[in-house]
Amino acid sequence: MNTFNAPKGIPEYFPPESAGFLAVRDTLADAARRAGYGYIELPLFEDTALFARGVGESTDVVTKEMYTFADRGGRSVTLRPEGTAGVMRSVIEHGLDRSQLPVKLYYGGAFFRYERPQAGRYRQLQQVGVEAIGVDDPALDAEVIAIADEGYRRLGLSGHRIELTSLGDATCRPAYRAKLQEFLRGLPLDDETRRRVELNPLRVLDDKRPEVRELVADAPLMVDHLSTAAQEHYEQVKEHLADLGVAFTENPRMVRGLDYYTKTTFEFVHDGLGAQSGIGGGGRYDGLMAELGGQELSGIGFGLGVDRTLLACQVEGLAVGDQARCDVYCVPLGEAAKRRLVATAGALRAAGVRVDLSYGGKGLKGAMKAADRSGARFALVLGERDLEAGTAQLKELASGEQRAVGLDELVDRVVEAVR
């Protein structure tokens, strides 16, 4: 009989390595919680039109990478390729923008893009994201960037950097777009790229092909054509980041892969990952809510790659996550001892202690090997003689130190030892 494998390009995390994945995800999310962001759980799939309109019909995400299919009712739905459009749809649908602003939300989970699988670039990617919607304040932009930076630093990362730029606003983008199109129309570009020049010329600056990069090396840059308001906004963001102690590098050639970004735009990069160096990024999106049928409210957010961040931690040699499955491993020797330790394990778990137990009638030697593999700090051994004496043996596995503990005070003494 044939066996099954996971779909191509889909990472899996299982013990003990999954402990690092959980640590990265939870640490990044915790940084958002500490800044007052509330959790939102999003659908895994949405109406295809939401992403076509919200992400941008000229983007690679929409034109090449989305998992789109017709459901049994004939409706076109798409597995979510990113989180911002879904958050904005939910905010509009449930009227979250009708109360206190900004609406501050965070989310996490799997996102789906049909890409060529390679290290750190997957078809099912895991992200943690935040969105702050309803207030156009440079201090809020700086807060969002600082939240991401704090999450990375709490993991122990030190080899990442922040690249920052401004993509302008509605008052300066049209004139810049015309100037950029005029420049690009004079280049010997292929037909597909020429079509992109007419649809969204900024996307041409994001082309990864060396020959195109060489052609656009002298292209006009948005930061040189910012309106007075956009320039002031950008300067204030940089001032707030300096006040927060968040270092950054200006990258005027940066273009994010989604069409909705305006003004502040940023990316977190880790050169230890090679070609796929981005570990997260985001920016402000002034017109997205109105584009999706809501109010004329601005927003800013980010998406941080859990998979890539975990790879960055590994590159830096960081041990993230507690790979121990439990704190205490119970070793019963005999049926009477098993009944007692099963009950003890339940009481310890109720007290907040992680506990596992040797099942299947293993002997002492095999059970102690299992205790070592579990990563537990202590083994709790109970045999027939111990039962008669009214004690159990609590053994610290690292040192081998062992002491007898009375059965009537066993739970309290084990809890004390663990804490």
Protein backbone atom coordinates (compact mmCIF):
# COMPACT_ATOMS: atom_id res chain seq x y z
CA MET A 1 0.00 0.00 0.00
CA ASN A 2 1.28 3.45 -0.94
CA THR A 3 2.07 5.87 1.90
CA PHE A 4 1.23 9.56 1.87
CA ASN A 5 3.50 12.60 2.08
CA ALA A 6 2.74 16.19 2.98
CA PRO A 7 1.98 18.44 -0.02
CA LYS A 8 5.02 19.97 -1.69
CA GLY A 9 6.17 23.22 -0.15
CA ILE A 10 4.32 22.75 3.13
CA PRO A 11 6.49 22.80 6.29
CA GLU A 12 5.56 20.64 9.25
CA TYR A 13 6.59 21.14 12.85
CA PHE A 14 6.64 18.27 15.33
CA PRO A 15 8.35 17.60 18.68
CA PRO A 16 10.91 18.54 19.74
CA GLU A 17 11.51 21.14 17.00
CA SER A 18 7.91 22.39 17.17
CA ALA A 19 8.73 23.99 20.52
CA GLY A 20 10.82 26.59 18.67
CA PHE A 21 7.98 27.30 16.24
CA LEU A 22 5.56 27.88 19.12
CA ALA A 23 8.06 30.11 20.93
CA VAL A 24 8.54 32.32 17.86
CA ARG A 25 4.82 32.62 17.17
CA ASP A 26 3.89 33.33 20.78
CA THR A 27 6.72 35.81 21.38
CA LEU A 28 5.83 37.86 18.30
CA ALA A 29 2.15 37.87 19.30
CA ASP A 30 2.94 38.78 22.90
CA ALA A 31 4.68 41.96 21.79
CA ALA A 32 1.39 43.05 20.17
CA ARG A 33 -0.68 42.14 23.23
CA ARG A 34 1.52 44.31 25.44
CA ALA A 35 0.75 47.29 23.20
CA GLY A 36 -3.02 46.90 23.62
CA TYR A 37 -3.86 44.93 20.47
CA GLY A 38 -6.85 42.59 20.66
CA TYR A 39 -6.97 39.21 18.92
CA ILE A 40 -8.98 38.57 15.75
CA GLU A 41 -9.49 35.09 14.24
CA LEU A 42 -9.93 35.30 10.47
CA PRO A 43 -11.48 32.88 7.94
CA LEU A 44 -8.98 30.70 6.07
CA PHE A 45 -10.72 31.56 2.81
CA GLU A 46 -12.63 34.58 1.53
CA ASP A 47 -14.46 35.81 -1.56
CA THR A 48 -11.82 35.99 -4.32
CA ALA A 49 -12.86 39.55 -5.19
CA LEU A 50 -11.74 40.72 -1.73
CA PHE A 51 -8.11 39.92 -2.50
CA ALA A 52 -8.28 41.01 -6.15
CA ARG A 53 -9.53 44.44 -5.07
CA GLY A 54 -7.72 44.72 -1.74
CA VAL A 55 -4.29 43.30 -2.60
CA GLY A 56 -4.13 44.58 -6.19
CA GLU A 57 -4.88 42.91 -9.50
CA SER A 58 -1.39 43.67 -10.86
CA THR A 59 0.49 41.97 -8.02
CA ASP A 60 2.18 38.60 -8.35
CA VAL A 61 0.12 37.48 -5.35
CA VAL A 62 -3.13 37.92 -7.27
CA THR A 63 -1.99 37.07 -10.79
CA LYS A 64 0.22 34.06 -10.05
CA GLU A 65 0.14 32.86 -6.44
CA MET A 66 -3.42 32.57 -5.12
CA TYR A 67 -5.12 29.26 -4.40
CA THR A 68 -8.51 29.99 -5.99
CA PHE A 69 -11.34 27.52 -6.54
CA ALA A 70 -15.11 27.33 -6.94
CA ASP A 71 -17.00 25.97 -3.95
CA ARG A 72 -20.00 23.67 -4.30
CA GLY A 73 -22.27 26.67 -4.68
CA GLY A 74 -20.25 27.91 -7.65
CA ARG A 75 -18.76 30.84 -5.73
CA SER A 76 -15.13 31.77 -6.36
CA VAL A 77 -13.21 31.61 -3.07
CA THR A 78 -9.50 31.94 -2.29
CA LEU A 79 -7.31 30.64 0.52
CA ARG A 80 -6.05 33.78 2.23
CA PRO A 81 -2.67 34.92 0.81
CA GLU A 82 -2.30 37.72 3.40
CA GLY A 83 -4.15 39.12 6.40
CA THR A 84 -4.79 42.84 5.95
CA ALA A 85 -7.65 42.61 3.45
CA GLY A 86 -9.47 40.07 5.62
CA VAL A 87 -9.03 42.21 8.75
CA MET A 88 -10.34 45.26 6.92
CA ARG A 89 -13.36 43.32 5.63
CA SER A 90 -14.12 42.17 9.17
CA VAL A 91 -13.75 45.68 10.63
CA ILE A 92 -16.20 47.05 8.04
CA GLU A 93 -18.65 44.15 8.33
CA HIS A 94 -18.86 44.27 12.13
CA GLY A 95 -18.64 48.05 12.53
CA LEU A 96 -15.49 47.97 14.64
CA ASP A 97 -14.54 51.32 13.13
CA ARG A 98 -17.69 52.94 14.59
CA SER A 99 -16.29 53.05 18.11
CA GLN A 100 -12.94 54.07 19.62
CA LEU A 101 -10.12 54.62 17.15
CA PRO A 102 -7.63 53.33 16.34
CA VAL A 103 -8.93 49.79 16.08
CA LYS A 104 -5.88 47.74 17.17
CA LEU A 105 -5.95 44.05 16.21
CA TYR A 106 -3.50 41.20 15.92
CA TYR A 107 -3.82 37.78 14.29
CA GLY A 108 -1.81 34.71 13.41
CA GLY A 109 -2.00 31.51 11.44
CA ALA A 110 -1.45 29.98 8.02
CA PHE A 111 -1.50 31.86 4.72
CA PHE A 112 -1.27 30.34 1.26
CA ARG A 113 0.68 31.30 -1.86
CA TYR A 114 1.54 29.08 -4.80
CA GLU A 115 5.26 29.77 -5.05
CA ARG A 116 8.33 27.80 -6.00
CA PRO A 117 9.29 26.11 -2.72
CA GLN A 118 12.73 26.95 -1.33
CA ALA A 119 14.31 27.53 2.05
CA GLY A 120 12.14 29.94 3.99
CA ARG A 121 9.61 30.35 1.17
CA TYR A 122 6.64 28.04 1.47
CA ARG A 123 3.22 27.53 -0.08
CA GLN A 124 1.71 27.42 3.39
CA LEU A 125 3.41 30.15 5.37
CA GLN A 126 2.84 31.07 8.99
CA GLN A 127 2.53 34.71 10.03
CA VAL A 128 1.76 36.95 12.97
CA GLY A 129 0.29 40.29 11.97
CA VAL A 130 -1.10 43.50 13.46
CA GLU A 131 -3.33 46.22 12.06
CA ALA A 132 -3.97 49.67 13.62
CA ILE A 133 -6.90 51.24 11.78
CA GLY A 134 -8.54 54.66 11.87
CA VAL A 135 -5.80 57.14 12.88
CA ASP A 136 -3.12 58.63 10.62
CA ASP A 137 -0.46 59.43 13.21
CA PRO A 138 3.30 59.05 12.63
CA ALA A 139 3.66 57.96 16.28
CA LEU A 140 1.35 55.01 15.55
CA ASP A 141 3.53 54.04 12.56
CA ALA A 142 6.55 54.03 14.86
CA GLU A 143 4.68 51.97 17.46
CA VAL A 144 3.84 49.28 14.90
CA ILE A 145 7.45 49.05 13.73
CA ALA A 146 8.70 48.99 17.34
CA ILE A 147 6.31 46.13 18.23
CA ALA A 148 7.82 43.95 15.52
CA ASP A 149 11.36 44.89 16.50
CA GLU A 150 10.62 44.10 20.15
CA GLY A 151 9.27 40.67 19.22
CA TYR A 152 12.43 39.85 17.30
CA ARG A 153 14.69 41.09 20.10
CA ARG A 154 12.82 39.15 22.77
CA LEU A 155 13.67 36.03 20.78
CA GLY A 156 17.32 37.06 21.02
CA LEU A 157 17.76 38.06 17.37
CA SER A 158 20.45 40.63 16.75
CA GLY A 159 21.31 40.14 13.07
CA HIS A 160 18.16 41.72 11.63
CA ARG A 161 17.75 45.27 10.37
CA ILE A 162 14.83 47.53 9.49
CA GLU A 163 14.65 49.06 6.02
CA LEU A 164 12.37 52.09 5.83
CA THR A 165 10.95 54.39 3.16
CA SER A 166 7.86 56.40 2.22
CA LEU A 167 5.69 55.61 -0.79
CA GLY A 168 3.97 59.00 -0.75
CA ASP A 169 0.28 59.90 -0.64
CA ALA A 170 -2.59 60.67 -2.99
CA THR A 171 -1.31 64.19 -3.62
CA CYS A 172 2.13 63.19 -4.89
CA ARG A 173 1.75 59.60 -6.13
CA PRO A 174 -0.02 60.49 -9.45
CA ALA A 175 2.69 62.92 -10.58
CA TYR A 176 5.42 60.49 -9.57
CA ARG A 177 3.62 57.64 -11.33
CA ALA A 178 3.53 59.66 -14.56
CA LYS A 179 7.23 60.53 -14.25
CA LEU A 180 8.14 56.88 -13.59
CA GLN A 181 6.04 55.68 -16.52
CA GLU A 182 7.74 58.17 -18.81
CA PHE A 183 11.13 56.81 -17.72
CA LEU A 184 10.12 53.14 -18.05
CA ARG A 185 8.52 53.57 -21.48
CA GLY A 186 11.93 54.52 -22.80
CA LEU A 187 13.48 51.19 -21.74
CA PRO A 188 13.78 48.00 -23.86
CA LEU A 189 11.39 45.95 -21.70
CA ASP A 190 9.58 42.74 -22.62
CA ASP A 191 5.85 42.85 -23.44
CA GLU A 192 4.66 41.58 -20.05
CA THR A 193 6.75 44.14 -18.18
CA ARG A 194 5.49 46.91 -20.52
CA ARG A 195 1.93 45.97 -19.58
CA ARG A 196 2.92 46.28 -15.95
CA VAL A 197 4.32 49.76 -16.63
CA GLU A 198 0.84 50.86 -17.66
CA LEU A 199 -0.99 49.05 -14.85
CA ASN A 200 1.32 49.65 -11.87
CA PRO A 201 4.78 51.02 -12.71
CA LEU A 202 6.02 50.74 -9.11
CA ARG A 203 5.89 46.97 -9.46
CA VAL A 204 8.57 47.17 -12.18
CA LEU A 205 11.00 48.56 -9.60
CA ASP A 206 10.38 45.38 -7.59
CA ASP A 207 11.38 43.07 -10.48
CA LYS A 208 14.01 40.60 -9.26
CA ARG A 209 15.58 39.84 -12.67
CA PRO A 210 19.15 41.23 -12.85
CA GLU A 211 18.69 42.58 -16.37
CA VAL A 212 15.61 44.58 -15.33
CA ARG A 213 17.30 45.80 -12.14
CA GLU A 214 20.15 47.15 -14.25
CA LEU A 215 17.74 48.95 -16.59
CA VAL A 216 15.85 50.68 -13.76
CA ALA A 217 18.94 51.61 -11.73
CA ASP A 218 18.49 55.30 -12.62
CA ALA A 219 14.71 55.37 -12.27
CA PRO A 220 13.21 58.31 -10.34
CA LEU A 221 12.49 57.51 -6.69
CA MET A 222 9.34 58.29 -4.73
CA VAL A 223 11.22 59.77 -1.76
CA ASP A 224 12.54 62.51 -4.06
CA HIS A 225 9.00 63.51 -5.07
CA LEU A 226 7.08 63.47 -1.78
CA SER A 227 4.45 66.13 -1.05
CA THR A 228 5.11 68.45 1.86
CA ALA A 229 2.61 66.56 4.03
CA ALA A 230 4.06 63.15 3.12
CA GLN A 231 7.60 64.38 3.75
CA GLU A 232 6.62 65.78 7.17
CA HIS A 233 4.88 62.51 8.05
CA TYR A 234 7.99 60.53 7.08
CA GLU A 235 10.30 62.78 9.10
CA GLN A 236 8.10 62.44 12.18
CA VAL A 237 8.07 58.64 11.89
CA LYS A 238 11.86 58.65 11.88
CA GLU A 239 11.94 60.97 14.90
CA HIS A 240 9.59 58.73 16.89
CA LEU A 241 11.63 55.64 16.00
CA ALA A 242 14.75 57.41 17.27
CA ASP A 243 12.93 58.30 20.49
CA LEU A 244 11.97 54.62 20.89
CA GLY A 245 15.57 53.53 20.35
CA VAL A 246 14.67 51.61 17.18
CA ALA A 247 17.48 51.69 14.63
CA PHE A 248 16.65 51.67 10.92
CA THR A 249 18.21 52.07 7.47
CA GLU A 250 16.54 54.14 4.77
CA ASN A 251 16.00 52.21 1.53
CA PRO A 252 14.44 54.54 -1.08
CA ARG A 253 14.27 51.74 -3.66
CA MET A 254 12.10 49.47 -1.54
CA VAL A 255 8.78 48.42 -3.07
CA ARG A 256 6.52 46.06 -1.16
CA GLY A 257 4.74 43.26 -3.02
CA LEU A 258 1.20 44.51 -2.30
CA ASP A 259 -0.48 47.49 -4.00
CA TYR A 260 -2.23 49.06 -1.02
CA TYR A 261 0.84 50.55 0.71
CA THR A 262 1.20 54.34 1.04
CA LYS A 263 3.47 56.58 3.11
CA THR A 264 5.44 54.60 5.72
CA THR A 265 6.68 51.30 4.33
CA PHE A 266 9.17 48.97 6.01
CA GLU A 267 10.78 45.56 5.86
CA PHE A 268 12.74 43.46 8.35
CA VAL A 269 15.72 41.78 6.71
CA HIS A 270 18.14 39.12 7.96
CA ASP A 271 21.13 38.59 5.67
CA GLY A 272 21.86 35.20 7.22
CA LEU A 273 18.98 33.76 5.21
CA GLY A 274 20.54 34.42 1.81
CA ALA A 275 18.27 35.36 -1.11
CA GLN A 276 15.09 35.02 0.95
CA SER A 277 16.26 37.57 3.49
CA GLY A 278 12.93 39.17 4.40
CA ILE A 279 11.50 38.01 7.73
CA GLY A 280 8.63 40.49 7.95
CA GLY A 281 7.35 43.84 6.81
CA GLY A 282 4.42 46.14 6.36
CA GLY A 283 3.31 49.72 6.00
CA ARG A 284 0.51 52.25 5.91
CA TYR A 285 -2.51 51.82 3.61
CA ASP A 286 -4.50 55.03 3.35
CA GLY A 287 -7.10 54.09 0.74
CA LEU A 288 -7.72 50.40 1.45
CA MET A 289 -10.81 50.69 3.67
CA ALA A 290 -12.62 52.93 1.18
CA GLU A 291 -11.60 50.62 -1.66
CA LEU A 292 -13.32 47.76 0.17
CA GLY A 293 -16.53 49.72 0.77
CA GLY A 294 -15.82 51.25 4.17
CA GLN A 295 -15.02 54.70 5.54
CA GLU A 296 -12.13 56.86 4.37
CA LEU A 297 -9.90 55.69 7.24
CA SER A 298 -6.17 55.04 7.16
CA GLY A 299 -4.40 52.07 8.70
CA ILE A 300 -0.97 50.59 9.25
CA GLY A 301 0.15 47.05 9.95
CA PHE A 302 2.68 44.30 9.42
CA GLY A 303 2.99 40.60 8.70
CA LEU A 304 5.91 38.75 10.31
CA GLY A 305 6.97 35.38 8.95
CA VAL A 306 7.09 32.78 11.71
CA ASP A 307 8.85 30.24 9.46
CA ARG A 308 11.55 32.67 8.37
CA THR A 309 12.01 34.08 11.84
CA LEU A 310 12.58 30.55 13.15
CA LEU A 311 15.21 30.03 10.43
CA ALA A 312 16.87 33.32 11.45
CA CYS A 313 17.01 32.12 15.07
CA GLN A 314 18.64 28.89 13.91
CA VAL A 315 21.18 30.82 11.79
CA GLU A 316 22.15 32.81 14.90
CA GLY A 317 22.39 29.64 16.97
CA LEU A 318 19.57 30.67 19.29
CA ALA A 319 17.83 27.97 21.30
CA VAL A 320 14.23 29.18 21.38
CA GLY A 321 11.40 27.29 23.04
CA ASP A 322 11.33 24.74 25.83
CA GLN A 323 11.80 21.38 24.12
CA ALA A 324 10.98 19.44 27.29
CA ARG A 325 7.57 17.79 26.98
CA CYS A 326 6.99 17.76 30.71
CA ASP A 327 8.40 18.76 34.09
CA VAL A 328 7.79 15.43 35.86
CA TYR A 329 7.82 11.91 34.44
CA CYS A 330 6.00 9.32 36.56
CA VAL A 331 7.44 5.79 36.70
CA PRO A 332 5.01 3.24 38.19
CA LEU A 333 6.33 -0.25 38.95
CA GLY A 334 3.29 -2.50 39.22
CA GLU A 335 -0.47 -2.04 38.83
CA ALA A 336 -1.13 -0.67 42.32
CA ALA A 337 1.61 1.91 41.81
CA LYS A 338 0.18 2.83 38.42
CA ARG A 339 -3.27 3.54 39.89
CA ARG A 340 -1.72 5.81 42.49
CA LEU A 341 0.50 7.67 40.01
CA VAL A 342 -2.29 8.12 37.46
CA ALA A 343 -4.25 9.95 40.15
CA THR A 344 -1.16 11.87 41.25
CA ALA A 345 -0.45 12.93 37.66
CA GLY A 346 -3.98 14.30 37.37
CA ALA A 347 -3.62 16.28 40.58
CA LEU A 348 -0.26 17.70 39.48
CA ARG A 349 -1.65 18.77 36.10
CA ALA A 350 -4.51 20.52 37.87
CA ALA A 351 -1.86 22.38 39.89
CA GLY A 352 -0.18 23.57 36.68
CA VAL A 353 2.65 21.03 36.45
CA ARG A 354 3.38 19.34 33.11
CA VAL A 355 3.33 15.60 33.75
CA ASP A 356 3.75 12.46 31.65
CA LEU A 357 3.63 8.83 32.75
CA SER A 358 5.23 5.59 31.65
CA TYR A 359 2.53 3.48 30.03
CA GLY A 360 2.60 -0.09 28.80
CA GLY A 361 4.22 -1.78 31.79
CA LYS A 362 7.83 -0.75 31.08
CA GLY A 363 10.48 -1.89 33.53
CA LEU A 364 12.53 0.59 35.55
CA LYS A 365 15.39 0.81 33.02
CA GLY A 366 13.13 1.43 30.01
CA ALA A 367 10.95 3.88 31.92
CA MET A 368 13.96 5.93 33.06
CA LYS A 369 15.23 6.12 29.46
CA ALA A 370 11.82 7.45 28.47
CA ALA A 371 12.04 9.98 31.30
CA ASP A 372 15.36 11.25 29.97
CA ARG A 373 13.98 11.55 26.43
CA SER A 374 10.98 13.53 27.69
CA GLY A 375 13.21 16.35 28.92
CA ALA A 376 11.63 16.25 32.38
CA ARG A 377 13.48 17.72 35.32
CA PHE A 378 12.24 15.06 37.73
CA ALA A 379 11.27 11.41 37.68
CA LEU A 380 8.67 10.28 40.22
CA VAL A 381 9.21 6.58 40.90
CA LEU A 382 6.72 4.43 42.82
CA GLY A 383 7.03 0.68 43.41
CA GLU A 384 5.43 -1.91 45.66
CA ARG A 385 7.96 -1.36 48.46
CA ASP A 386 7.44 2.39 48.24
CA LEU A 387 3.70 1.90 48.62
CA GLU A 388 4.23 -0.19 51.72
CA ALA A 389 6.52 2.50 53.15
CA GLY A 390 4.07 5.27 52.24
CA THR A 391 6.66 7.14 50.14
CA ALA A 392 7.65 7.81 46.52
CA GLN A 393 11.10 8.54 45.12
CA LEU A 394 11.58 11.99 43.57
CA LYS A 395 14.73 11.99 41.42
CA GLU A 396 16.30 15.06 39.82
CA LEU A 397 17.44 13.71 36.46
CA ALA A 398 20.27 16.16 35.79
CA SER A 399 22.10 15.56 39.07
CA GLY A 400 20.83 12.09 39.93
CA GLU A 401 19.91 13.34 43.40
CA GLN A 402 17.01 11.39 44.87
CA ARG A 403 14.85 11.74 47.99
CA ALA A 404 11.84 10.02 49.48
CA VAL A 405 8.61 11.99 49.72
CA GLY A 406 5.58 10.95 51.75
CA LEU A 407 2.55 9.98 49.66
CA ASP A 408 0.24 12.16 51.77
CA GLU A 409 2.22 15.29 50.82
CA LEU A 410 3.41 14.18 47.40
CA VAL A 411 1.56 16.71 45.25
CA ASP A 412 2.59 19.71 47.38
CA ARG A 413 6.25 18.66 47.54
CA VAL A 414 6.49 18.02 43.79
CA VAL A 415 4.88 21.37 43.00
CA GLU A 416 7.42 23.08 45.30
CA ALA A 417 10.33 21.25 43.63
CA VAL A 418 9.21 22.20 40.11
CA ARG A 419 8.66 25.86 40.93
